[in-house]
């Protein structure tokens, strides 16, 4: 099992704060986090993209809408959340 370097642990800790308590970040750190998040969500739809991008997530929601057993209101809430990344930063 690989041991993480202290820098990796610091990065993981900052990421946890950014995701769970962004109000604790400095304005500069928050801007960096928001830019990183926008970049991730806006990633191209190519096999090299190893995470769920905004486009993939919206596509999954489209598929979910076809399943009558799923809550359409909840799907709409998730879509509204994802659509906030359509807006320019600032």
N, C-alpha and C. Protein backbone atom coordinates (compact mmCIF):
# COMPACT_ATOMS: atom_id res chain seq x y z
N UNK A 1 0.84 -1.17 0.00
CA UNK A 1 0.00 0.00 0.00
C UNK A 1 0.89 1.24 0.00
N UNK A 2 0.62 2.16 -0.90
CA UNK A 2 1.41 3.38 -1.02
C UNK A 2 1.04 4.36 0.08
N UNK A 3 2.05 5.02 0.60
CA UNK A 3 1.84 6.05 1.62
C UNK A 3 1.80 7.39 0.91
N UNK A 4 0.78 8.20 1.23
CA UNK A 4 0.65 9.50 0.60
C UNK A 4 1.68 10.46 1.15
N UNK A 5 2.20 11.33 0.26
CA UNK A 5 3.11 12.37 0.69
C UNK A 5 2.32 13.42 1.46
N UNK A 6 2.98 14.15 2.37
CA UNK A 6 2.28 15.19 3.14
C UNK A 6 1.55 16.20 2.23
N UNK A 7 2.13 16.52 1.07
CA UNK A 7 1.49 17.47 0.16
C UNK A 7 0.15 16.92 -0.33
N UNK A 8 0.10 15.61 -0.58
CA UNK A 8 -1.14 14.97 -1.04
C UNK A 8 -2.20 15.03 0.05
N UNK A 9 -1.78 14.83 1.31
CA UNK A 9 -2.73 14.89 2.41
C UNK A 9 -3.27 16.31 2.58
N UNK A 10 -2.40 17.31 2.42
CA UNK A 10 -2.84 18.69 2.51
C UNK A 10 -3.85 19.00 1.41
N UNK A 11 -3.56 18.56 0.19
CA UNK A 11 -4.47 18.77 -0.92
C UNK A 11 -5.81 18.09 -0.66
N UNK A 12 -5.76 16.85 -0.16
CA UNK A 12 -7.00 16.14 0.16
C UNK A 12 -7.79 16.88 1.24
N UNK A 13 -7.11 17.41 2.23
CA UNK A 13 -7.78 18.17 3.29
C UNK A 13 -8.43 19.43 2.76
N UNK A 14 -7.73 20.15 1.90
CA UNK A 14 -8.30 21.37 1.32
C UNK A 14 -9.49 21.04 0.45
N UNK A 15 -9.41 19.93 -0.26
CA UNK A 15 -10.54 19.53 -1.10
C UNK A 15 -11.76 19.19 -0.25
N UNK A 16 -11.54 18.52 0.87
CA UNK A 16 -12.64 18.21 1.78
C UNK A 16 -13.30 19.49 2.29
N UNK A 17 -12.49 20.48 2.66
CA UNK A 17 -13.04 21.76 3.11
C UNK A 17 -13.80 22.42 1.97
N UNK A 18 -13.23 22.42 0.79
CA UNK A 18 -13.88 23.07 -0.35
C UNK A 18 -15.24 22.45 -0.65
N UNK A 19 -15.34 21.14 -0.59
CA UNK A 19 -16.60 20.47 -0.89
C UNK A 19 -17.62 20.60 0.23
N UNK A 20 -17.16 20.59 1.48
CA UNK A 20 -18.08 20.50 2.61
C UNK A 20 -18.29 21.79 3.38
N UNK A 21 -17.33 22.70 3.30
CA UNK A 21 -17.45 23.96 4.04
C UNK A 21 -16.73 25.07 3.28
N UNK A 22 -17.15 25.36 2.05
CA UNK A 22 -16.43 26.34 1.23
C UNK A 22 -16.35 27.73 1.86
N UNK A 23 -17.25 28.03 2.79
CA UNK A 23 -17.20 29.34 3.45
C UNK A 23 -15.94 29.51 4.29
N UNK A 24 -15.23 28.42 4.59
CA UNK A 24 -13.99 28.50 5.36
C UNK A 24 -12.78 28.83 4.50
N UNK A 25 -12.93 28.80 3.18
CA UNK A 25 -11.83 29.09 2.28
C UNK A 25 -11.61 30.60 2.18
N UNK A 26 -10.37 30.97 1.90
CA UNK A 26 -10.08 32.38 1.62
C UNK A 26 -10.69 32.70 0.26
N UNK A 27 -10.87 33.97 -0.06
CA UNK A 27 -11.41 34.32 -1.39
C UNK A 27 -10.58 33.73 -2.53
N UNK A 28 -9.26 33.72 -2.37
CA UNK A 28 -8.39 33.17 -3.41
C UNK A 28 -8.58 31.65 -3.53
N UNK A 29 -8.63 30.97 -2.40
CA UNK A 29 -8.83 29.51 -2.42
C UNK A 29 -10.20 29.17 -3.01
N UNK A 30 -11.20 29.94 -2.66
CA UNK A 30 -12.54 29.68 -3.18
C UNK A 30 -12.58 29.88 -4.70
N UNK A 31 -11.92 30.92 -5.20
CA UNK A 31 -11.85 31.15 -6.65
C UNK A 31 -11.12 30.00 -7.34
N UNK A 32 -10.05 29.51 -6.73
CA UNK A 32 -9.32 28.37 -7.30
C UNK A 32 -10.21 27.13 -7.34
N UNK A 33 -10.93 26.89 -6.25
CA UNK A 33 -11.82 25.73 -6.19
C UNK A 33 -12.92 25.84 -7.25
N UNK A 34 -13.54 27.00 -7.37
CA UNK A 34 -14.61 27.18 -8.36
C UNK A 34 -14.09 27.01 -9.78
N UNK A 35 -12.89 27.52 -10.06
CA UNK A 35 -12.29 27.34 -11.39
C UNK A 35 -12.01 25.86 -11.65
N UNK A 36 -11.47 25.16 -10.65
CA UNK A 36 -11.20 23.73 -10.79
C UNK A 36 -12.48 22.96 -11.05
N UNK A 37 -13.53 23.30 -10.29
CA UNK A 37 -14.80 22.60 -10.45
C UNK A 37 -15.41 22.86 -11.83
N UNK A 38 -15.37 24.11 -12.29
CA UNK A 38 -15.88 24.41 -13.64
C UNK A 38 -15.12 23.64 -14.71
N UNK A 39 -13.79 23.56 -14.53
CA UNK A 39 -12.97 22.82 -15.49
C UNK A 39 -13.35 21.34 -15.51
N UNK A 40 -13.57 20.77 -14.36
CA UNK A 40 -13.97 19.36 -14.28
C UNK A 40 -15.32 19.13 -14.95
N UNK A 41 -16.31 19.97 -14.61
CA UNK A 41 -17.65 19.80 -15.16
C UNK A 41 -17.67 20.03 -16.67
N UNK A 42 -16.76 20.87 -17.16
CA UNK A 42 -16.75 21.23 -18.58
C UNK A 42 -15.82 20.36 -19.41
N UNK A 43 -15.28 19.32 -18.84
CA UNK A 43 -14.33 18.46 -19.53
C UNK A 43 -14.95 17.87 -20.79
N UNK A 44 -14.14 17.66 -21.81
CA UNK A 44 -14.67 17.07 -23.05
C UNK A 44 -15.14 15.64 -22.83
N UNK A 45 -16.08 15.23 -23.63
CA UNK A 45 -16.63 13.87 -23.55
C UNK A 45 -15.74 12.93 -24.35
N UNK A 46 -14.59 12.60 -23.78
CA UNK A 46 -13.63 11.69 -24.41
C UNK A 46 -13.30 10.58 -23.42
N UNK A 47 -12.83 9.44 -23.92
CA UNK A 47 -12.52 8.33 -23.01
C UNK A 47 -11.49 8.69 -21.93
N UNK A 48 -10.60 9.65 -22.22
CA UNK A 48 -9.57 10.01 -21.25
C UNK A 48 -10.16 10.72 -20.02
N UNK A 49 -11.36 11.25 -20.14
CA UNK A 49 -12.00 11.91 -19.00
C UNK A 49 -12.49 10.82 -18.06
N UNK A 50 -11.85 10.73 -16.89
CA UNK A 50 -12.10 9.63 -15.96
C UNK A 50 -13.19 9.93 -14.95
N UNK A 51 -13.75 11.12 -14.96
CA UNK A 51 -14.77 11.50 -13.99
C UNK A 51 -16.07 11.82 -14.71
N UNK A 52 -17.11 12.01 -13.97
CA UNK A 52 -18.41 12.35 -14.56
C UNK A 52 -18.45 13.84 -14.82
N UNK A 53 -18.48 14.20 -16.08
CA UNK A 53 -18.56 15.60 -16.45
C UNK A 53 -20.02 16.05 -16.46
N UNK A 54 -20.24 17.33 -16.63
CA UNK A 54 -21.58 17.89 -16.69
C UNK A 54 -22.39 17.23 -17.80
N UNK A 55 -21.78 17.07 -18.95
CA UNK A 55 -22.47 16.45 -20.09
C UNK A 55 -22.89 15.02 -19.81
N UNK A 56 -22.00 14.26 -19.21
CA UNK A 56 -22.34 12.87 -18.88
C UNK A 56 -23.45 12.82 -17.84
N UNK A 57 -23.37 13.71 -16.87
CA UNK A 57 -24.40 13.74 -15.82
C UNK A 57 -25.76 14.10 -16.41
N UNK A 58 -25.80 15.09 -17.29
CA UNK A 58 -27.07 15.48 -17.92
C UNK A 58 -27.61 14.34 -18.78
N UNK A 59 -26.73 13.63 -19.47
CA UNK A 59 -27.15 12.47 -20.25
C UNK A 59 -27.75 11.38 -19.38
N UNK A 60 -27.15 11.17 -18.22
CA UNK A 60 -27.69 10.17 -17.28
C UNK A 60 -29.07 10.59 -16.79
N UNK A 61 -29.25 11.89 -16.55
CA UNK A 61 -30.57 12.37 -16.12
C UNK A 61 -31.62 12.13 -17.20
N UNK A 62 -31.24 12.34 -18.45
CA UNK A 62 -32.17 12.07 -19.56
C UNK A 62 -32.60 10.61 -19.55
N UNK A 63 -31.64 9.72 -19.31
CA UNK A 63 -31.99 8.29 -19.24
C UNK A 63 -32.91 8.01 -18.05
N UNK A 64 -32.66 8.66 -16.93
CA UNK A 64 -33.47 8.44 -15.73
C UNK A 64 -34.92 8.89 -15.93
N UNK A 65 -35.11 9.91 -16.73
CA UNK A 65 -36.48 10.40 -16.96
C UNK A 65 -37.35 9.34 -17.62
N UNK A 66 -36.74 8.38 -18.29
CA UNK A 66 -37.48 7.31 -18.96
C UNK A 66 -37.90 6.19 -18.00
N UNK A 67 -37.40 6.26 -16.77
CA UNK A 67 -37.72 5.23 -15.77
C UNK A 67 -38.86 5.76 -14.89
N UNK A 68 -40.04 5.23 -15.08
CA UNK A 68 -41.24 5.70 -14.38
C UNK A 68 -41.14 5.52 -12.86
N UNK A 69 -40.24 4.66 -12.40
CA UNK A 69 -40.15 4.42 -10.96
C UNK A 69 -39.33 5.49 -10.23
N UNK A 70 -38.69 6.37 -10.99
CA UNK A 70 -37.86 7.40 -10.37
C UNK A 70 -38.63 8.71 -10.19
N UNK A 71 -38.27 9.47 -9.18
CA UNK A 71 -38.92 10.72 -8.83
C UNK A 71 -38.49 11.83 -9.78
N UNK A 72 -39.39 12.28 -10.64
CA UNK A 72 -39.09 13.32 -11.63
C UNK A 72 -38.72 14.64 -10.97
N UNK A 73 -39.32 14.95 -9.83
CA UNK A 73 -38.99 16.19 -9.12
C UNK A 73 -37.54 16.17 -8.65
N UNK A 74 -37.09 15.03 -8.16
CA UNK A 74 -35.71 14.91 -7.71
C UNK A 74 -34.76 15.04 -8.89
N UNK A 75 -35.09 14.45 -10.00
CA UNK A 75 -34.27 14.56 -11.20
C UNK A 75 -34.18 16.02 -11.63
N UNK A 76 -35.29 16.74 -11.57
CA UNK A 76 -35.31 18.16 -11.93
C UNK A 76 -34.42 18.98 -10.98
N UNK A 77 -34.42 18.63 -9.69
CA UNK A 77 -33.56 19.33 -8.73
C UNK A 77 -32.08 19.11 -9.05
N UNK A 78 -31.73 17.89 -9.38
CA UNK A 78 -30.34 17.59 -9.73
C UNK A 78 -29.97 18.35 -11.00
N UNK A 79 -30.86 18.38 -11.97
CA UNK A 79 -30.58 19.11 -13.21
C UNK A 79 -30.40 20.60 -12.94
N UNK A 80 -31.23 21.17 -12.08
CA UNK A 80 -31.10 22.60 -11.73
C UNK A 80 -29.73 22.86 -11.11
N UNK A 81 -29.28 21.95 -10.26
CA UNK A 81 -27.95 22.09 -9.67
C UNK A 81 -26.88 22.08 -10.75
N UNK A 82 -26.97 21.13 -11.68
CA UNK A 82 -25.96 21.02 -12.73
C UNK A 82 -25.98 22.23 -13.65
N UNK A 83 -27.14 22.80 -13.89
CA UNK A 83 -27.26 23.93 -14.79
C UNK A 83 -26.56 25.18 -14.25
N UNK A 84 -26.33 25.22 -12.95
CA UNK A 84 -25.62 26.39 -12.41
C UNK A 84 -24.22 26.50 -12.99
N UNK A 85 -23.68 25.39 -13.47
CA UNK A 85 -22.34 25.41 -14.05
C UNK A 85 -22.35 25.91 -15.49
N UNK A 86 -23.55 26.13 -16.05
CA UNK A 86 -23.65 26.72 -17.38
C UNK A 86 -23.33 28.20 -17.35
N UNK A 87 -23.55 28.82 -16.17
CA UNK A 87 -23.36 30.26 -16.04
C UNK A 87 -21.86 30.59 -15.97
N UNK A 88 -21.50 31.73 -16.57
CA UNK A 88 -20.09 32.14 -16.48
C UNK A 88 -19.71 32.48 -15.04
N UNK A 89 -18.43 32.35 -14.77
CA UNK A 89 -17.94 32.66 -13.42
C UNK A 89 -18.08 34.15 -13.15
N UNK A 90 -18.22 34.47 -11.84
CA UNK A 90 -18.22 35.89 -11.48
C UNK A 90 -19.36 36.29 -10.66
